[in-house]
Amino acid sequence: MKRTTSTPPDALVPRDEPMRADSDLTELWRFYARRASDTGLVLCVGVSILVIAAFAVVGLTHARWAMRWWPLALPAVLAGTFGAWGIADRELAERRADAATRRPAIRALVAVEWASCTAAALAVAAAVVMFLRLAVGTWIS
C-alpha cells in the first residue's frame, strides 16, 4: 500500500508501508510487485519468455541435455510468473477503481493472476523436489 505526502501533484513521492508480520504470500507478492517499476515487470516477463523459448529449442535439438539441465529454467519461470502477476494486479486495481469497466476484462485479469500463481507453485514444487533429490539423494547413497 502506498501513501502520498501532501506535496504538489508534479512532485508526488510514494511512501511504502512496511510489511506486517501476519502477511500472507499474496500480500508479499503484491508488496514487491507494486514496488517494482512497469519496465521491471515487463522485463521479467520478456526475459522469461526468451529463456524458456531458447530452452525449448535446445530441448528439441538436444533432448538429453534438456533432461539434465531443466532446473535452470525454473528461475525464469518464477520471474515470468511474478511479472505477469504484477502486471495483472496493477491492471485489476485500475479497472476495479473505474466503475465503467466490463466484467470480461476483470475475469481475464483474475484468470491471468490464477494462472501465474499456479505456474509459480509448480515451479517452486519442482525446485523443492530437485533440491531434495540432490541433497537427500547424496545422503542416502
Protein backbone atom coordinates (compact mmCIF):
# COMPACT_ATOMS: atom_id res chain seq x y z
CA MET A 1 0.00 0.00 0.00
CA LYS A 2 1.37 3.35 -0.99
CA ARG A 3 0.57 6.69 0.54
CA THR A 4 1.50 10.02 -0.86
CA THR A 5 2.50 13.12 1.01
CA SER A 6 0.73 16.45 0.61
CA THR A 7 3.10 17.87 -1.96
CA PRO A 8 2.29 19.43 -5.33
CA PRO A 9 0.97 16.93 -7.91
CA ASP A 10 4.11 17.14 -10.02
CA ALA A 11 6.26 16.05 -7.07
CA LEU A 12 4.27 13.17 -5.59
CA VAL A 13 6.53 10.71 -3.83
CA PRO A 14 5.05 7.31 -2.91
CA ARG A 15 5.74 6.01 0.57
CA ASP A 16 5.78 2.28 1.18
CA GLU A 17 4.29 0.87 4.32
CA PRO A 18 6.32 -1.88 5.98
CA MET A 19 5.08 -5.45 5.69
CA ARG A 20 3.07 -6.73 8.61
CA ALA A 21 4.23 -9.85 10.42
CA ASP A 22 0.97 -11.70 9.68
CA SER A 23 1.11 -11.06 5.91
CA ASP A 24 0.48 -13.96 3.56
CA LEU A 25 2.16 -14.79 0.25
CA THR A 26 -0.36 -12.78 -1.77
CA GLU A 27 0.35 -9.63 0.21
CA LEU A 28 4.09 -10.25 -0.10
CA TRP A 29 3.88 -10.59 -3.91
CA ARG A 30 1.60 -7.54 -4.09
CA PHE A 31 4.03 -5.51 -1.96
CA TYR A 32 7.04 -6.29 -4.17
CA ALA A 33 5.07 -6.08 -7.43
CA ARG A 34 3.84 -2.61 -6.57
CA ARG A 35 7.35 -1.52 -5.63
CA ALA A 36 8.69 -2.74 -8.99
CA SER A 37 8.54 -0.47 -11.99
CA ASP A 38 6.39 -1.23 -15.03
CA THR A 39 9.57 -1.72 -17.04
CA GLY A 40 10.87 -4.21 -14.49
CA LEU A 41 7.71 -6.29 -14.61
CA VAL A 42 7.69 -6.29 -18.41
CA LEU A 43 11.39 -7.25 -18.43
CA CYS A 44 10.64 -10.16 -16.09
CA VAL A 45 8.02 -11.48 -18.49
CA GLY A 46 10.02 -10.77 -21.65
CA VAL A 47 13.29 -12.28 -20.49
CA SER A 48 11.40 -15.25 -19.10
CA ILE A 49 9.75 -15.89 -22.45
CA LEU A 50 13.10 -15.64 -24.24
CA VAL A 51 14.85 -18.01 -21.83
CA ILE A 52 12.06 -20.58 -21.93
CA ALA A 53 11.85 -20.40 -25.73
CA ALA A 54 15.62 -20.84 -26.02
CA PHE A 55 15.47 -23.76 -23.61
CA ALA A 56 12.66 -25.32 -25.67
CA VAL A 57 14.70 -25.00 -28.86
CA VAL A 58 17.72 -26.57 -27.19
CA GLY A 59 15.45 -29.26 -25.76
CA LEU A 60 14.20 -30.12 -29.21
CA THR A 61 17.72 -30.38 -30.59
CA HIS A 62 19.49 -31.98 -27.60
CA ALA A 63 16.93 -33.86 -25.53
CA ARG A 64 19.46 -35.45 -23.16
CA TRP A 65 20.94 -32.08 -22.31
CA ALA A 66 17.48 -30.65 -21.66
CA MET A 67 16.53 -33.55 -19.40
CA ARG A 68 19.64 -32.96 -17.32
CA TRP A 69 19.58 -29.15 -17.13
CA TRP A 70 15.84 -28.35 -17.00
CA PRO A 71 16.04 -26.94 -13.45
CA LEU A 72 17.93 -23.95 -14.87
CA ALA A 73 14.66 -22.80 -16.46
CA LEU A 74 12.88 -22.60 -13.08
CA PRO A 75 14.16 -19.12 -12.09
CA ALA A 76 13.00 -17.80 -15.47
CA VAL A 77 9.56 -19.32 -14.89
CA LEU A 78 9.36 -17.73 -11.43
CA ALA A 79 10.44 -14.32 -12.74
CA GLY A 80 7.92 -14.52 -15.57
CA THR A 81 5.07 -15.50 -13.29
CA PHE A 82 5.94 -12.68 -10.91
CA GLY A 83 5.97 -10.17 -13.76
CA ALA A 84 2.69 -11.40 -15.24
CA TRP A 85 1.03 -11.42 -11.83
CA GLY A 86 2.28 -7.91 -11.07
CA ILE A 87 1.02 -6.53 -14.37
CA ALA A 88 -2.37 -8.21 -13.92
CA ASP A 89 -2.61 -6.95 -10.33
CA ARG A 90 -1.97 -3.35 -11.39
CA GLU A 91 -4.48 -3.53 -14.23
CA LEU A 92 -7.04 -5.16 -11.98
CA ALA A 93 -6.64 -2.42 -9.36
CA GLU A 94 -7.15 0.25 -12.02
CA ARG A 95 -10.18 -1.46 -13.55
CA ARG A 96 -11.86 -2.05 -10.21
CA ALA A 97 -11.46 1.65 -9.41
CA ASP A 98 -13.16 2.54 -12.70
CA ALA A 99 -16.85 1.65 -12.49
CA ALA A 100 -17.33 1.64 -16.27
CA THR A 101 -15.10 -1.39 -16.93
CA ARG A 102 -16.54 -4.56 -18.32
CA ARG A 103 -16.73 -7.81 -16.40
CA PRO A 104 -14.94 -9.98 -19.03
CA ALA A 105 -11.81 -7.86 -18.72
CA ILE A 106 -11.78 -8.28 -14.95
CA ARG A 107 -12.36 -12.02 -15.28
CA ALA A 108 -9.48 -12.30 -17.75
CA LEU A 109 -7.13 -10.46 -15.40
CA VAL A 110 -8.16 -12.69 -12.49
CA ALA A 111 -7.52 -15.71 -14.73
CA VAL A 112 -4.03 -14.37 -15.51
CA GLU A 113 -3.35 -13.98 -11.79
CA TRP A 114 -4.53 -17.54 -11.08
CA ALA A 115 -2.51 -18.97 -13.96
CA SER A 116 0.58 -17.10 -12.75
CA CYS A 117 0.11 -18.41 -9.22
CA THR A 118 -0.38 -21.95 -10.47
CA ALA A 119 2.74 -21.82 -12.66
CA ALA A 120 4.78 -20.34 -9.79
CA ALA A 121 3.56 -23.04 -7.40
CA LEU A 122 4.51 -25.76 -9.88
CA ALA A 123 7.94 -24.20 -10.41
CA VAL A 124 8.55 -23.98 -6.65
CA ALA A 125 7.39 -27.57 -6.18
CA ALA A 126 9.78 -28.72 -8.93
CA ALA A 127 12.61 -26.75 -7.32
CA VAL A 128 11.91 -28.34 -3.93
CA VAL A 129 11.84 -31.82 -5.48
CA MET A 130 15.14 -31.15 -7.25
CA PHE A 131 16.71 -29.82 -4.05
CA LEU A 132 15.56 -32.87 -2.10
CA ARG A 133 16.76 -35.19 -4.86
CA LEU A 134 20.21 -33.60 -4.80
CA ALA A 135 20.52 -33.13 -1.02
CA VAL A 136 18.82 -36.21 0.36
CA GLY A 137 19.86 -38.41 -2.54
CA THR A 138 23.53 -37.88 -1.71
CA TRP A 139 22.91 -38.62 1.98
CA ILE A 140 21.10 -41.86 1.24
CA SER A 141 23.67 -43.27 -1.18
